[in-house]
């Protein structure tokens, strides 16, 4: 009987090689994601803390321009102050769900959005 592959390959070096490949993949993924998150950058400006959860600021700015067109007396500093107190310590999704449950919604160019989201987009457009 000839010697099988199980007896010719020792288990320990095989496990070390597999562990190394998995470890390199995990470390590489962590470096990629960490760099992406660190260097993507947070929104700048006086309202950066509020705009952080919006995602793509280009889209938010486009919606915000439509909101600003409907609100000629928009005062960014007052709206930002109200939003900071409303959102204090709460996540954006939680605030938006509460807006909808309370009926606080706006119609912006045939889109129905929570009032807080409309105001955040207006802030993005006003910077």
Protein backbone atom coordinates (compact mmCIF):
# COMPACT_ATOMS: atom_id res chain seq x y z
CA UNK A 1 0.00 0.00 0.00
CA UNK A 2 1.28 3.42 -0.85
CA UNK A 3 1.51 6.25 1.61
CA UNK A 4 -1.59 8.57 1.53
CA UNK A 5 -1.56 12.35 1.57
CA UNK A 6 -2.65 12.34 5.22
CA UNK A 7 0.58 10.77 6.33
CA UNK A 8 2.80 12.83 4.00
CA UNK A 9 1.42 16.23 5.13
CA UNK A 10 1.97 17.04 8.72
CA UNK A 11 -0.98 18.67 10.48
CA UNK A 12 0.80 21.42 12.39
CA UNK A 13 2.43 23.22 9.39
CA UNK A 14 -0.86 22.97 7.48
CA UNK A 15 -2.79 24.59 10.33
CA UNK A 16 -0.15 27.30 10.71
CA UNK A 17 -0.35 28.09 6.99
CA UNK A 18 -4.17 28.22 7.02
CA UNK A 19 -4.18 30.35 10.16
CA UNK A 20 -1.67 32.73 8.58
CA UNK A 21 -3.80 33.15 5.45
CA UNK A 22 -6.92 33.85 7.52
CA UNK A 23 -4.98 36.23 9.79
CA UNK A 24 -3.59 38.17 6.83
CA UNK A 25 -7.12 38.47 5.43
CA UNK A 26 -8.50 39.74 8.72
CA UNK A 27 -5.67 42.24 9.24
CA UNK A 28 -5.91 43.44 5.63
CA UNK A 29 -9.66 43.93 5.94
CA UNK A 30 -9.27 45.82 9.21
CA UNK A 31 -6.63 48.11 7.70
CA UNK A 32 -8.80 48.76 4.64
CA UNK A 33 -11.97 49.48 6.62
CA UNK A 34 -10.16 51.49 9.29
CA UNK A 35 -8.45 53.65 6.70
CA UNK A 36 -11.70 54.11 4.82
CA UNK A 37 -13.48 55.24 7.97
CA UNK A 38 -10.64 57.42 9.24
CA UNK A 39 -9.81 59.19 6.02
CA UNK A 40 -13.30 59.49 4.57
CA UNK A 41 -13.66 62.52 6.77
CA UNK A 42 -16.54 63.91 8.73
CA UNK A 43 -18.64 66.73 7.37
CA UNK A 44 -16.91 70.03 7.96
CA UNK A 45 -18.37 73.34 8.98
CA UNK A 46 -20.43 74.56 11.89
CA UNK A 47 -23.05 71.84 11.43
CA UNK A 48 -20.73 68.89 10.84
CA UNK A 49 -21.84 67.19 14.05
CA UNK A 50 -25.45 67.21 12.87
CA UNK A 51 -24.75 66.17 9.29
CA UNK A 52 -22.56 63.20 10.18
CA UNK A 53 -25.31 60.60 9.92
CA UNK A 54 -26.65 61.72 6.55
CA UNK A 55 -24.28 59.73 4.38
CA UNK A 56 -23.83 61.29 0.94
CA UNK A 57 -23.80 65.05 1.46
CA UNK A 58 -24.25 65.66 -2.27
CA UNK A 59 -27.69 64.07 -2.19
CA UNK A 60 -28.55 65.81 1.07
CA UNK A 61 -27.55 69.16 -0.45
CA UNK A 62 -29.80 68.59 -3.48
CA UNK A 63 -32.78 67.85 -1.23
CA UNK A 64 -31.79 70.77 0.99
CA UNK A 65 -31.92 73.22 -1.91
CA UNK A 66 -35.52 72.20 -2.55
CA UNK A 67 -36.32 72.64 1.14
CA UNK A 68 -34.69 76.08 1.21
CA UNK A 69 -36.70 77.14 -1.84
CA UNK A 70 -39.87 76.51 0.19
CA UNK A 71 -38.57 78.23 3.33
CA UNK A 72 -37.49 81.80 2.49
CA UNK A 73 -36.93 82.74 6.16
CA UNK A 74 -34.71 79.75 7.00
CA UNK A 75 -32.27 80.60 9.80
CA UNK A 76 -29.60 77.96 9.95
CA UNK A 77 -28.30 78.78 13.43
CA UNK A 78 -31.75 78.57 15.02
CA UNK A 79 -32.61 75.34 13.23
CA UNK A 80 -29.24 73.86 14.20
CA UNK A 81 -29.84 74.75 17.86
CA UNK A 82 -33.25 73.09 17.81
CA UNK A 83 -31.88 70.01 16.10
CA UNK A 84 -29.04 69.69 18.61
CA UNK A 85 -31.51 69.71 21.49
CA UNK A 86 -33.87 67.31 19.69
CA UNK A 87 -31.13 64.86 18.76
CA UNK A 88 -29.14 65.10 22.00
CA UNK A 89 -27.77 61.61 22.64
CA UNK A 90 -30.17 59.92 20.20
CA UNK A 91 -29.46 58.32 16.88
CA UNK A 92 -30.75 59.86 13.67
CA UNK A 93 -32.95 56.83 12.82
CA UNK A 94 -34.62 57.03 16.24
CA UNK A 95 -35.37 60.74 15.78
CA UNK A 96 -36.74 60.15 12.27
CA UNK A 97 -39.01 57.33 13.47
CA UNK A 98 -40.34 59.61 16.19
CA UNK A 99 -40.98 62.37 13.62
CA UNK A 100 -43.03 60.02 11.49
CA UNK A 101 -44.98 58.66 14.47
CA UNK A 102 -45.85 62.22 15.51
CA UNK A 103 -46.87 63.16 11.97
CA UNK A 104 -43.98 65.59 11.52
CA UNK A 105 -43.43 65.12 7.81
CA UNK A 106 -42.66 67.42 4.89
CA UNK A 107 -43.27 67.09 1.18
CA UNK A 108 -40.18 67.98 -0.82
CA UNK A 109 -40.40 67.63 -4.60
CA UNK A 110 -42.89 64.76 -4.41
CA UNK A 111 -40.93 63.04 -1.64
CA UNK A 112 -42.38 62.70 1.83
CA UNK A 113 -39.62 62.97 4.43
CA UNK A 114 -39.51 63.47 8.21
CA UNK A 115 -39.19 67.12 9.24
CA UNK A 116 -35.85 66.54 10.95
CA UNK A 117 -34.40 65.05 7.78
CA UNK A 118 -35.67 67.98 5.71
CA UNK A 119 -34.07 70.43 8.16
CA UNK A 120 -30.76 68.52 8.15
CA UNK A 121 -30.71 68.59 4.36
CA UNK A 122 -31.43 72.33 4.43
CA UNK A 123 -28.47 72.78 6.77
CA UNK A 124 -26.27 70.82 4.36
CA UNK A 125 -27.36 73.10 1.52
CA UNK A 126 -26.84 76.28 3.55
CA UNK A 127 -23.14 75.63 4.25
